[in-house]
Amino acid sequence: MPDEKRFLSIVPPESTMPEFTLRAVLLGVVMAVIMGAANAYLGLKAGMTIAATYTTAVIGMAVLKMMGGSLL
């Protein structure tokens, strides 16, 4: 195929990326405390809880993107 497009990666294959960073761990702990408290309050007040994992993941990715310095 003469029109074959070549894939260019943003991160070179030979580079290593840290899996856990201080920023990610601190954000995870803060979000876990906030969403855990909100979920416990809602459970005690209304008698039902929510799946906080999806909400936390979306908010966490948005915060990391706003902070900059990541591939998001």
PDB file of N, CA and C in Angstrom:
ATOM      1  N   MET A   1       0.828  -1.169   0.000  1.00  0.00           N
ATOM      2  CA  MET A   1       0.000   0.000   0.000  1.00  0.00           C
ATOM      3  C   MET A   1       0.883   1.247   0.000  1.00  0.00           C
ATOM      4  N   PRO A   2       0.875   1.996  -1.062  1.00  0.00           N
ATOM      5  CA  PRO A   2       1.740   3.172  -1.125  1.00  0.00           C
ATOM      6  C   PRO A   2       1.286   4.317  -0.218  1.00  0.00           C
ATOM      7  N   ASP A   3       0.007   4.388   0.119  1.00  0.00           N
ATOM      8  CA  ASP A   3      -0.505   5.466   0.962  1.00  0.00           C
ATOM      9  C   ASP A   3      -0.544   5.083   2.435  1.00  0.00           C
ATOM     10  N   GLU A   4       0.273   4.139   2.828  1.00  0.00           N
ATOM     11  CA  GLU A   4       0.269   3.673   4.214  1.00  0.00           C
ATOM     12  C   GLU A   4       0.760   4.784   5.136  1.00  0.00           C
ATOM     13  N   LYS A   5      -0.023   5.081   6.163  1.00  0.00           N
ATOM     14  CA  LYS A   5       0.342   6.130   7.112  1.00  0.00           C
ATOM     15  C   LYS A   5       1.225   5.546   8.199  1.00  0.00           C
ATOM     16  N   ARG A   6       2.181   6.316   8.595  1.00  0.00           N
ATOM     17  CA  ARG A   6       3.108   5.867   9.609  1.00  0.00           C
ATOM     18  C   ARG A   6       2.657   6.388  10.975  1.00  0.00           C
ATOM     19  N   PHE A   7       2.664   5.505  11.968  1.00  0.00           N
ATOM     20  CA  PHE A   7       2.249   5.859  13.324  1.00  0.00           C
ATOM     21  C   PHE A   7       3.422   6.492  14.059  1.00  0.00           C
ATOM     22  N   LEU A   8       3.214   7.693  14.569  1.00  0.00           N
ATOM     23  CA  LEU A   8       4.237   8.368  15.362  1.00  0.00           C
ATOM     24  C   LEU A   8       3.741   8.481  16.798  1.00  0.00           C
ATOM     25  N   SER A   9       4.468   7.883  17.692  1.00  0.00           N
ATOM     26  CA  SER A   9       4.091   7.883  19.106  1.00  0.00           C
ATOM     27  C   SER A   9       4.538   9.183  19.773  1.00  0.00           C
ATOM     28  N   ILE A  10       3.745   9.651  20.719  1.00  0.00           N
ATOM     29  CA  ILE A  10       4.119  10.850  21.478  1.00  0.00           C
ATOM     30  C   ILE A  10       5.294  10.537  22.397  1.00  0.00           C
ATOM     31  N   VAL A  11       5.253   9.369  23.002  1.00  0.00           N
ATOM     32  CA  VAL A  11       6.316   8.935  23.904  1.00  0.00           C
ATOM     33  C   VAL A  11       7.163   7.903  23.171  1.00  0.00           C
ATOM     34  N   PRO A  12       8.473   8.115  23.079  1.00  0.00           N
ATOM     35  CA  PRO A  12       9.314   7.118  22.414  1.00  0.00           C
ATOM     36  C   PRO A  12       9.287   5.779  23.151  1.00  0.00           C
ATOM     37  N   PRO A  13       9.377   4.668  22.419  1.00  0.00           N
ATOM     38  CA  PRO A  13       9.287   3.346  23.063  1.00  0.00           C
ATOM     39  C   PRO A  13      10.406   3.063  24.064  1.00  0.00           C
ATOM     40  N   GLU A  14      11.554   3.691  23.899  1.00  0.00           N
ATOM     41  CA  GLU A  14      12.671   3.395  24.804  1.00  0.00           C
ATOM     42  C   GLU A  14      12.606   4.186  26.110  1.00  0.00           C
ATOM     43  N   SER A  15      11.683   5.130  26.236  1.00  0.00           N
ATOM     44  CA  SER A  15      11.586   5.912  27.469  1.00  0.00           C
ATOM     45  C   SER A  15      10.787   5.146  28.527  1.00  0.00           C
ATOM     46  N   THR A  16      11.085   5.437  29.776  1.00  0.00           N
ATOM     47  CA  THR A  16      10.353   4.820  30.885  1.00  0.00           C
ATOM     48  C   THR A  16       9.555   5.909  31.589  1.00  0.00           C
ATOM     49  N   MET A  17       8.324   5.585  31.905  1.00  0.00           N
ATOM     50  CA  MET A  17       7.435   6.529  32.577  1.00  0.00           C
ATOM     51  C   MET A  17       7.120   5.987  33.970  1.00  0.00           C
ATOM     52  N   PRO A  18       7.128   6.835  34.996  1.00  0.00           N
ATOM     53  CA  PRO A  18       6.777   6.360  36.339  1.00  0.00           C
ATOM     54  C   PRO A  18       5.294   6.014  36.417  1.00  0.00           C
ATOM     55  N   GLU A  19       4.992   4.915  37.080  1.00  0.00           N
ATOM     56  CA  GLU A  19       3.602   4.499  37.225  1.00  0.00           C
ATOM     57  C   GLU A  19       2.914   5.239  38.361  1.00  0.00           C
ATOM     58  N   PHE A  20       3.641   5.505  39.425  1.00  0.00           N
ATOM     59  CA  PHE A  20       3.098   6.243  40.563  1.00  0.00           C
ATOM     60  C   PHE A  20       3.940   7.495  40.764  1.00  0.00           C
ATOM     61  N   THR A  21       3.280   8.626  40.828  1.00  0.00           N
ATOM     62  CA  THR A  21       3.959   9.873  41.153  1.00  0.00           C
ATOM     63  C   THR A  21       3.333  10.435  42.422  1.00  0.00           C
ATOM     64  N   LEU A  22       4.045  11.321  43.059  1.00  0.00           N
ATOM     65  CA  LEU A  22       3.532  11.927  44.285  1.00  0.00           C
ATOM     66  C   LEU A  22       2.236  12.682  44.006  1.00  0.00           C
ATOM     67  N   ARG A  23       2.179  13.366  42.882  1.00  0.00           N
ATOM     68  CA  ARG A  23       0.976  14.122  42.524  1.00  0.00           C
ATOM     69  C   ARG A  23      -0.224  13.199  42.347  1.00  0.00           C
ATOM     70  N   ALA A  24      -0.034  12.073  41.678  1.00  0.00           N
ATOM     71  CA  ALA A  24      -1.137  11.136  41.452  1.00  0.00           C
ATOM     72  C   ALA A  24      -1.595  10.484  42.754  1.00  0.00           C
ATOM     73  N   VAL A  25      -0.657  10.131  43.606  1.00  0.00           N
ATOM     74  CA  VAL A  25      -1.014   9.491  44.877  1.00  0.00           C
ATOM     75  C   VAL A  25      -1.749  10.475  45.788  1.00  0.00           C
ATOM     76  N   LEU A  26      -1.259  11.709  45.879  1.00  0.00           N
ATOM     77  CA  LEU A  26      -1.932  12.705  46.718  1.00  0.00           C
ATOM     78  C   LEU A  26      -3.324  13.029  46.197  1.00  0.00           C
ATOM     79  N   LEU A  27      -3.464  13.158  44.891  1.00  0.00           N
ATOM     80  CA  LEU A  27      -4.787  13.414  44.321  1.00  0.00           C
ATOM     81  C   LEU A  27      -5.724  12.242  44.596  1.00  0.00           C
ATOM     82  N   GLY A  28      -5.216  11.021  44.493  1.00  0.00           N
ATOM     83  CA  GLY A  28      -6.030   9.843  44.781  1.00  0.00           C
ATOM     84  C   GLY A  28      -6.491   9.792  46.227  1.00  0.00           C
ATOM     85  N   VAL A  29      -5.611  10.133  47.141  1.00  0.00           N
ATOM     86  CA  VAL A  29      -5.971  10.124  48.563  1.00  0.00           C
ATOM     87  C   VAL A  29      -7.013  11.199  48.858  1.00  0.00           C
ATOM     88  N   VAL A  30      -6.805  12.402  48.327  1.00  0.00           N
ATOM     89  CA  VAL A  30      -7.762  13.493  48.559  1.00  0.00           C
ATOM     90  C   VAL A  30      -9.127  13.144  47.974  1.00  0.00           C
ATOM     91  N   MET A  31      -9.145  12.633  46.751  1.00  0.00           N
ATOM     92  CA  MET A  31     -10.418  12.277  46.115  1.00  0.00           C
ATOM     93  C   MET A  31     -11.097  11.126  46.855  1.00  0.00           C
ATOM     94  N   ALA A  32     -10.320  10.182  47.363  1.00  0.00           N
ATOM     95  CA  ALA A  32     -10.908   9.065  48.108  1.00  0.00           C
ATOM     96  C   ALA A  32     -11.570   9.551  49.392  1.00  0.00           C
ATOM     97  N   VAL A  33     -10.932  10.482  50.079  1.00  0.00           N
ATOM     98  CA  VAL A  33     -11.512  11.018  51.314  1.00  0.00           C
ATOM     99  C   VAL A  33     -12.789  11.792  51.009  1.00  0.00           C
ATOM    100  N   ILE A  34     -12.739  12.663  49.999  1.00  0.00           N
ATOM    101  CA  ILE A  34     -13.919  13.477  49.666  1.00  0.00           C
ATOM    102  C   ILE A  34     -15.079  12.601  49.203  1.00  0.00           C
ATOM    103  N   MET A  35     -14.831  11.713  48.257  1.00  0.00           N
ATOM    104  CA  MET A  35     -15.915  10.892  47.714  1.00  0.00           C
ATOM    105  C   MET A  35     -16.386   9.855  48.726  1.00  0.00           C
ATOM    106  N   GLY A  36     -15.481   9.356  49.559  1.00  0.00           N
ATOM    107  CA  GLY A  36     -15.893   8.419  50.600  1.00  0.00           C
ATOM    108  C   GLY A  36     -16.809   9.071  51.623  1.00  0.00           C
ATOM    109  N   ALA A  37     -16.463  10.296  52.016  1.00  0.00           N
ATOM    110  CA  ALA A  37     -17.315  11.020  52.965  1.00  0.00           C
ATOM    111  C   ALA A  37     -18.664  11.362  52.340  1.00  0.00           C
ATOM    112  N   ALA A  38     -18.649  11.792  51.081  1.00  0.00           N
ATOM    113  CA  ALA A  38     -19.909  12.122  50.405  1.00  0.00           C
ATOM    114  C   ALA A  38     -20.783  10.885  50.243  1.00  0.00           C
ATOM    115  N   ASN A  39     -20.173   9.767  49.915  1.00  0.00           N
ATOM    116  CA  ASN A  39     -20.923   8.523  49.739  1.00  0.00           C
ATOM    117  C   ASN A  39     -21.490   8.035  51.076  1.00  0.00           C
ATOM    118  N   ALA A  40     -20.710   8.144  52.140  1.00  0.00           N
ATOM    119  CA  ALA A  40     -21.206   7.738  53.460  1.00  0.00           C
ATOM    120  C   ALA A  40     -22.348   8.640  53.913  1.00  0.00           C
ATOM    121  N   TYR A  41     -22.217   9.936  53.681  1.00  0.00           N
ATOM    122  CA  TYR A  41     -23.284  10.871  54.057  1.00  0.00           C
ATOM    123  C   TYR A  41     -24.558  10.570  53.285  1.00  0.00           C
ATOM    124  N   LEU A  42     -24.423  10.371  51.979  1.00  0.00           N
ATOM    125  CA  LEU A  42     -25.597  10.068  51.161  1.00  0.00           C
ATOM    126  C   LEU A  42     -26.228   8.746  51.586  1.00  0.00           C
ATOM    127  N   GLY A  43     -25.400   7.767  51.909  1.00  0.00           N
ATOM    128  CA  GLY A  43     -25.926   6.481  52.348  1.00  0.00           C
ATOM    129  C   GLY A  43     -26.690   6.573  53.655  1.00  0.00           C
ATOM    130  N   LEU A  44     -26.175   7.362  54.581  1.00  0.00           N
ATOM    131  CA  LEU A  44     -26.855   7.515  55.867  1.00  0.00           C
ATOM    132  C   LEU A  44     -28.085   8.411  55.763  1.00  0.00           C
ATOM    133  N   LYS A  45     -28.023   9.431  54.941  1.00  0.00           N
ATOM    134  CA  LYS A  45     -29.119  10.394  54.845  1.00  0.00           C
ATOM    135  C   LYS A  45     -30.260   9.885  53.961  1.00  0.00           C
ATOM    136  N   ALA A  46     -29.930   9.344  52.793  1.00  0.00           N
ATOM    137  CA  ALA A  46     -30.973   8.963  51.831  1.00  0.00           C
ATOM    138  C   ALA A  46     -31.196   7.461  51.758  1.00  0.00           C
ATOM    139  N   GLY A  47     -30.310   6.685  52.347  1.00  0.00           N
ATOM    140  CA  GLY A  47     -30.484   5.241  52.310  1.00  0.00           C
ATOM    141  C   GLY A  47     -30.009   4.592  51.024  1.00  0.00           C
ATOM    142  N   MET A  48     -29.263   5.336  50.204  1.00  0.00           N
ATOM    143  CA  MET A  48     -28.697   4.762  48.980  1.00  0.00           C
ATOM    144  C   MET A  48     -27.343   5.401  48.725  1.00  0.00           C
ATOM    145  N   THR A  49     -26.517   4.703  47.970  1.00  0.00           N
ATOM    146  CA  THR A  49     -25.190   5.224  47.656  1.00  0.00           C
ATOM    147  C   THR A  49     -25.021   5.292  46.145  1.00  0.00           C
ATOM    148  N   ILE A  50     -23.913   5.894  45.728  1.00  0.00           N
ATOM    149  CA  ILE A  50     -23.616   6.022  44.304  1.00  0.00           C
ATOM    150  C   ILE A  50     -22.315   5.294  44.000  1.00  0.00           C
ATOM    151  N   ALA A  51     -22.080   5.034  42.728  1.00  0.00           N
ATOM    152  CA  ALA A  51     -20.807   4.462  42.300  1.00  0.00           C
ATOM    153  C   ALA A  51     -19.825   5.617  42.129  1.00  0.00           C
ATOM    154  N   ALA A  52     -19.062   5.890  43.149  1.00  0.00           N
ATOM    155  CA  ALA A  52     -18.179   7.052  43.152  1.00  0.00           C
ATOM    156  C   ALA A  52     -16.933   6.851  42.304  1.00  0.00           C
ATOM    157  N   THR A  53     -16.658   5.636  41.855  1.00  0.00           N
ATOM    158  CA  THR A  53     -15.435   5.395  41.097  1.00  0.00           C
ATOM    159  C   THR A  53     -15.436   6.129  39.766  1.00  0.00           C
ATOM    160  N   TYR A  54     -16.555   6.148  39.079  1.00  0.00           N
ATOM    161  CA  TYR A  54     -16.605   6.822  37.777  1.00  0.00           C
ATOM    162  C   TYR A  54     -16.472   8.329  37.939  1.00  0.00           C
ATOM    163  N   THR A  55     -17.170   8.869  38.901  1.00  0.00           N
ATOM    164  CA  THR A  55     -17.100  10.305  39.162  1.00  0.00           C
ATOM    165  C   THR A  55     -15.685  10.711  39.546  1.00  0.00           C
ATOM    166  N   THR A  56     -15.063   9.942  40.409  1.00  0.00           N
ATOM    167  CA  THR A  56     -13.714  10.241  40.859  1.00  0.00           C
ATOM    168  C   THR A  56     -12.716  10.145  39.719  1.00  0.00           C
ATOM    169  N   ALA A  57     -12.866   9.157  38.850  1.00  0.00           N
ATOM    170  CA  ALA A  57     -11.948   9.014  37.720  1.00  0.00           C
ATOM    171  C   ALA A  57     -12.038  10.207  36.779  1.00  0.00           C
ATOM    172  N   VAL A  58     -13.237  10.652  36.477  1.00  0.00           N
ATOM    173  CA  VAL A  58     -13.410  11.794  35.573  1.00  0.00           C
ATOM    174  C   VAL A  58     -12.856  13.070  36.203  1.00  0.00           C
ATOM    175  N   ILE A  59     -13.175  13.314  37.460  1.00  0.00           N
ATOM    176  CA  ILE A  59     -12.679  14.514  38.140  1.00  0.00           C
ATOM    177  C   ILE A  59     -11.156  14.465  38.269  1.00  0.00           C
ATOM    178  N   GLY A  60     -10.615  13.303  38.606  1.00  0.00           N
ATOM    179  CA  GLY A  60      -9.165  13.162  38.739  1.00  0.00           C
ATOM    180  C   GLY A  60      -8.427  13.418  37.441  1.00  0.00           C
ATOM    181  N   MET A  61      -8.936  12.888  36.334  1.00  0.00           N
ATOM    182  CA  MET A  61      -8.298  13.136  35.036  1.00  0.00           C
ATOM    183  C   MET A  61      -8.392  14.609  34.645  1.00  0.00           C
ATOM    184  N   ALA A  62      -9.515  15.248  34.949  1.00  0.00           N
ATOM    185  CA  ALA A  62      -9.660  16.678  34.643  1.00  0.00           C
ATOM    186  C   ALA A  62      -8.684  17.518  35.463  1.00  0.00           C
ATOM    187  N   VAL A  63      -8.518  17.177  36.735  1.00  0.00           N
ATOM    188  CA  VAL A  63      -7.591  17.924  37.586  1.00  0.00           C
ATOM    189  C   VAL A  63      -6.160  17.730  37.107  1.00  0.00           C
ATOM    190  N   LEU A  64      -5.780  16.497  36.765  1.00  0.00           N
ATOM    191  CA  LEU A  64      -4.423  16.253  36.275  1.00  0.00           C
ATOM    192  C   LEU A  64      -4.164  16.987  34.969  1.00  0.00           C
ATOM    193  N   LYS A  65      -5.161  17.060  34.094  1.00  0.00           N
ATOM    194  CA  LYS A  65      -4.994  17.787  32.833  1.00  0.00           C
ATOM    195  C   LYS A  65      -4.830  19.284  33.083  1.00  0.00           C
ATOM    196  N   MET A  66      -5.603  19.828  34.026  1.00  0.00           N
ATOM    197  CA  MET A  66      -5.489  21.258  34.332  1.00  0.00           C
ATOM    198  C   MET A  66      -4.142  21.593  34.970  1.00  0.00           C
ATOM    199  N   MET A  67      -3.580  20.658  35.738  1.00  0.00           N
ATOM    200  CA  MET A  67      -2.295  20.901  36.385  1.00  0.00           C
ATOM    201  C   MET A  67      -1.150  20.894  35.379  1.00  0.00           C
ATOM    202  N   GLY A  68      -1.329  20.217  34.252  1.00  0.00           N
ATOM    203  CA  GLY A  68      -0.287  20.168  33.229  1.00  0.00           C
ATOM    204  C   GLY A  68       0.838  19.214  33.604  1.00  0.00           C
ATOM    205  N   GLY A  69       1.751  19.031  32.668  1.00  0.00           N
ATOM    206  CA  GLY A  69       2.898  18.179  32.922  1.00  0.00           C
ATOM    207  C   GLY A  69       2.629  16.700  32.784  1.00  0.00           C
ATOM    208  N   SER A  70       1.491  16.313  32.203  1.00  0.00           N
ATOM    209  CA  SER A  70       1.187  14.900  31.992  1.00  0.00           C
ATOM    210  C   SER A  70       0.769  14.700  30.542  1.00  0.00           C
ATOM    211  N   LEU A  71       0.571  13.475  30.151  1.00  0.00           N
ATOM    212  CA  LEU A  71       0.193  13.165  28.774  1.00  0.00           C
ATOM    213  C   LEU A  71      -1.297  13.261  28.533  1.00  0.00           C
ATOM    214  N   LEU A  72      -2.069  13.637  29.525  1.00  0.00           N
ATOM    215  CA  LEU A  72      -3.517  13.696  29.368  1.00  0.00           C
ATOM    216  C   LEU A  72      -3.938  14.864  28.520  1.00  0.00           C
TER     217      LEU A  72
END
